[in-house]
Protein backbone atom coordinates (compact mmCIF):
# COMPACT_ATOMS: atom_id res chain seq x y z
CA MET A 1 46.31 -3.10 48.56
CA SER A 2 42.64 -4.54 48.63
CA PHE A 3 39.27 -3.77 46.98
CA GLU A 4 36.20 -5.27 47.60
CA LEU A 5 33.57 -5.47 45.71
CA GLU A 6 30.18 -4.42 46.69
CA LEU A 7 26.97 -6.27 45.41
CA ALA A 8 24.30 -3.97 43.97
CA ARG A 9 21.45 -3.48 46.06
CA PHE A 10 19.13 -2.82 43.58
CA ALA A 11 17.98 -5.19 39.92
CA SER A 12 19.01 -3.88 37.04
CA LEU A 13 16.36 -4.69 34.35
CA ASP A 14 16.23 -4.16 30.59
CA ASP A 15 12.55 -3.33 28.70
CA GLU A 16 12.20 -7.21 28.29
CA ASP A 17 12.51 -7.68 31.91
CA LEU A 18 9.60 -5.07 32.78
CA GLU A 19 7.40 -6.06 29.85
CA GLU A 20 7.50 -9.79 30.66
CA LEU A 21 6.68 -8.87 34.79
CA GLU A 22 3.90 -7.01 33.29
CA GLN A 23 2.68 -9.59 31.39
CA LYS A 24 2.85 -11.93 34.37
CA ARG A 25 0.58 -9.37 36.33
CA GLU A 26 -2.40 -11.34 34.25
CA SER A 27 -3.51 -15.00 34.02
CA VAL A 28 -3.68 -17.01 31.35
CA ASN A 29 -7.60 -16.93 31.70
CA THR A 30 -7.79 -12.98 31.48
CA LYS A 31 -5.29 -12.72 28.80
CA LYS A 32 -7.79 -15.08 26.59
CA ALA A 33 -10.86 -13.33 28.03
CA THR A 34 -9.21 -9.37 26.62
CA THR A 35 -8.11 -11.42 23.35
CA ASN A 36 -11.63 -12.61 22.96
CA ALA A 37 -13.05 -9.18 23.59
CA VAL A 38 -10.69 -7.06 21.40
CA LYS A 39 -11.36 -10.01 19.08
CA ILE A 40 -15.71 -9.36 19.56
CA LEU A 41 -15.12 -5.59 18.75
CA ARG A 42 -13.19 -5.94 15.87
CA ASP A 43 -15.50 -8.37 13.92
CA TYR A 44 -17.76 -6.14 14.73
CA LEU A 45 -16.06 -2.76 14.06
CA ALA A 46 -15.32 -4.88 10.11
CA GLU A 47 -19.30 -5.82 10.15
CA LYS A 48 -20.11 -2.38 9.90
CA ASN A 49 -17.36 -1.48 7.74
CA MET A 50 -15.86 0.74 10.30
CA ASN A 51 -11.70 1.61 11.41
CA LEU A 52 -10.73 -1.45 13.01
CA GLU A 53 -7.88 0.46 15.14
CA PHE A 54 -10.62 1.69 17.57
CA GLU A 55 -7.79 2.01 20.14
CA ASN A 56 -6.89 5.51 18.38
CA MET A 57 -10.23 6.84 18.36
CA SER A 58 -10.81 9.99 20.44
CA PRO A 59 -12.93 9.37 23.89
CA GLU A 60 -15.81 10.96 22.81
CA GLU A 61 -15.84 8.63 19.21
CA LEU A 62 -15.08 5.27 21.47
CA ASP A 63 -17.74 6.36 23.45
CA ASN A 64 -20.34 6.58 20.20
CA LEU A 65 -18.76 3.66 19.03
CA LEU A 66 -19.98 1.68 22.43
CA HIS A 67 -22.94 2.92 22.71
CA ARG A 68 -23.80 1.00 19.74
CA PHE A 69 -21.83 -1.65 20.49
CA TYR A 70 -23.51 -2.62 23.73
CA ALA A 71 -26.83 -2.35 21.75
CA GLU A 72 -26.27 -4.49 18.68
CA VAL A 73 -23.11 -6.94 19.85
CA ARG A 74 -25.16 -10.63 19.54
CA MET A 75 -23.59 -14.44 19.53
CA LYS A 76 -22.63 -15.94 16.67
CA ASP A 77 -25.74 -17.76 16.24
CA GLY A 78 -27.51 -14.25 16.65
CA THR A 79 -28.62 -14.37 20.15
CA LEU A 80 -28.11 -12.17 22.87
CA TYR A 81 -25.03 -12.63 25.05
CA THR A 82 -25.80 -13.26 28.94
CA ARG A 83 -24.81 -10.28 31.23
CA SER A 84 -21.83 -11.52 32.86
CA SER A 85 -20.37 -12.81 28.94
CA LEU A 86 -21.02 -8.94 28.33
CA THR A 87 -19.92 -7.59 31.69
CA SER A 88 -16.58 -9.82 30.62
CA ILE A 89 -16.09 -8.03 27.17
CA ARG A 90 -16.32 -4.58 28.55
CA HIS A 91 -13.65 -5.12 30.99
CA GLY A 92 -11.59 -6.91 28.23
CA ILE A 93 -12.15 -4.09 25.83
CA ASN A 94 -10.95 -1.95 28.89
CA ARG A 95 -8.22 -3.99 29.87
CA HIS A 96 -6.73 -3.79 26.42
CA LEU A 97 -6.65 -0.47 25.79
CA HIS A 98 -4.65 -0.01 29.37
CA SER A 99 -2.53 -2.15 27.76
CA ALA A 100 -1.87 -0.50 24.86
CA GLY A 101 -1.19 2.85 27.02
CA LYS A 102 -4.76 4.66 27.06
CA THR A 103 -5.76 6.60 30.13
CA VAL A 104 -9.29 5.77 29.28
CA ASP A 105 -11.44 3.90 31.88
CA ILE A 106 -14.46 2.70 29.58
CA VAL A 107 -16.06 1.15 32.63
CA ASN A 108 -15.91 3.92 35.04
CA GLY A 109 -14.90 7.17 33.28
CA ILE A 110 -16.69 10.40 33.13
CA GLU A 111 -15.94 10.43 29.12
CA PHE A 112 -18.28 6.69 28.82
CA LYS A 113 -21.68 7.90 30.10
CA LYS A 114 -23.29 7.33 27.23
CA SER A 115 -21.86 4.00 26.41
CA ARG A 116 -22.51 3.21 30.28
CA GLU A 117 -26.04 4.09 30.66
CA MET A 118 -26.80 2.27 27.48
CA CYS A 119 -25.20 -0.75 28.82
CA LYS A 120 -27.27 -0.35 31.96
CA ALA A 121 -30.47 -0.64 29.88
CA VAL A 122 -29.20 -3.70 27.95
CA TYR A 123 -28.49 -5.09 31.01
CA LYS A 124 -32.75 -4.18 32.15
CA ASP A 125 -33.48 -5.82 28.71
CA MET A 126 -31.37 -8.85 29.59
CA LYS A 127 -33.01 -9.30 32.82
CA ARG A 128 -36.42 -9.04 31.51
CA GLN A 129 -35.50 -11.84 28.73
CA GLY A 130 -34.05 -14.09 31.34
CA LYS A 131 -30.33 -13.74 29.93
CA ALA A 132 -28.92 -11.84 33.19
CA LYS A 133 -29.59 -15.18 35.34
CA VAL A 134 -25.96 -16.69 36.77
CA GLU A 135 -26.32 -20.57 35.75
CA PRO A 136 -24.14 -22.20 38.45
CA LYS A 137 -21.49 -24.72 37.89
CA THR A 138 -22.70 -28.31 38.29
CA PRO A 139 -21.24 -29.07 42.07
CA ILE A 140 -18.93 -31.96 42.33
CA GLU A 141 -20.03 -35.44 43.23
CA GLU A 142 -19.56 -36.92 46.39
CA ASP A 143 -17.90 -39.91 45.31
CA ASP A 144 -15.55 -38.04 42.82
CA LEU A 145 -15.32 -35.82 46.28
CA LYS A 146 -14.40 -38.79 48.05
CA LYS A 147 -11.80 -39.70 45.51
CA ILE A 148 -10.10 -36.65 45.69
CA TYR A 149 -9.46 -36.67 49.58
CA GLU A 150 -8.50 -40.35 49.19
CA PHE A 151 -5.40 -39.62 47.28
CA CYS A 152 -4.24 -37.07 48.94
CA ASP A 153 -2.22 -38.56 51.43
CA LEU A 154 -1.96 -35.94 54.46
CA ALA A 155 1.53 -37.74 55.69
CA ASP A 156 3.06 -36.16 52.01
CA ASN A 157 4.07 -32.48 52.04
CA ARG A 158 2.87 -32.50 48.30
CA HIS A 159 -0.91 -34.12 49.22
CA LEU A 160 -0.83 -32.47 51.97
CA GLN A 161 -0.77 -29.00 50.27
CA TYR A 162 -3.46 -30.52 46.98
CA ARG A 163 -5.44 -31.19 49.96
CA VAL A 164 -5.97 -27.23 51.29
CA PHE A 165 -5.93 -26.41 47.61
CA VAL A 166 -9.38 -28.55 47.20
CA ASP A 167 -10.77 -27.51 50.71
CA LEU A 168 -9.89 -23.70 49.99
CA MET A 169 -11.90 -24.25 46.50
CA LEU A 170 -14.79 -25.34 48.24
CA HIS A 171 -15.18 -24.00 51.30
CA PHE A 172 -13.91 -20.56 51.02
CA GLY A 173 -15.71 -19.03 48.50
CA ARG A 174 -12.60 -18.64 46.08
CA ARG A 175 -14.77 -19.28 43.08
CA GLY A 176 -12.98 -22.11 41.95
CA ARG A 177 -9.19 -21.29 41.70
CA GLU A 178 -9.69 -18.14 41.48
CA ASN A 179 -6.83 -15.65 43.35
CA LEU A 180 -5.58 -18.98 45.61
CA ARG A 181 -1.91 -17.86 44.62
CA GLU A 182 -2.63 -14.34 46.38
CA LEU A 183 -4.32 -15.79 49.80
CA GLN A 184 -1.98 -14.75 52.62
CA VAL A 185 -1.38 -16.38 55.97
CA CYS A 186 -3.86 -14.53 57.93
CA ALA A 187 -6.69 -16.34 55.27
CA SER A 188 -5.43 -19.47 56.31
CA LEU A 189 -5.72 -19.28 60.23
CA TYR A 190 -9.28 -17.96 59.68
CA TYR A 191 -10.00 -21.12 57.37
CA PHE A 192 -8.72 -23.36 59.91
CA LYS A 193 -10.52 -21.56 62.49
CA ILE A 194 -13.72 -21.85 61.25
CA SER A 195 -12.82 -25.91 59.68
CA CYS A 196 -11.28 -27.56 63.14
CA ARG A 197 -13.88 -28.64 66.01
CA ASN A 198 -11.72 -27.47 68.62
CA ALA A 199 -8.44 -25.50 69.63
CA THR A 200 -6.61 -28.97 69.55
CA GLU A 201 -7.17 -29.49 66.28
CA PHE A 202 -6.49 -26.00 65.17
CA LEU A 203 -2.98 -25.61 66.64
CA HIS A 204 -1.97 -29.37 64.56
CA LYS A 205 -3.03 -28.01 61.21
CA CYS A 206 -1.32 -24.70 61.92
CA LEU A 207 1.98 -26.63 62.88
CA VAL A 208 1.54 -28.71 60.07
CA CYS A 209 1.58 -26.16 57.17
CA ASN A 210 4.04 -24.31 58.87
CA LEU A 211 1.85 -21.05 59.86
């Protein structure tokens, strides 16, 4: 009598595996931004002699806290944060609360109207003081870009991948390397279509990249 062993269709993950998957969801930079945002809020609470465990506050208490925090938070030199920095702090605190198992949403939740209105007022004051302006990064120099292109040997598969990544970062509006790994084939096809001079070049690029 013979027995056939059937392979399990579904995986069996323990709690550590599940937690590891959740942690991989966020990029390293996002985790740093979250950690920094939480530290800023805890430093504020410590200076004001308040309870550092803001995660345990009720929505009403947290809304009142953030109402004052948005208005009073400053950089280490005492100057205002820029709009983008304050926005990053808000979303960082929100991510931390979610990771702590809280269901509140301090950015869009109806329970946080008071603090949200204060944040809008602070944004408006920042604009008046010139702190709402976004400072663009310095464009890459033409000579440096030339060196990058010369390094990328299109006959080498890995170098071809480097070249595609560089072109995507430069021409595809991806804000540097942000979300590059999440791009789909259809996005690559669109990129090739708008970057090629004719249909033959478009088809060649698709074949080279196995699209």
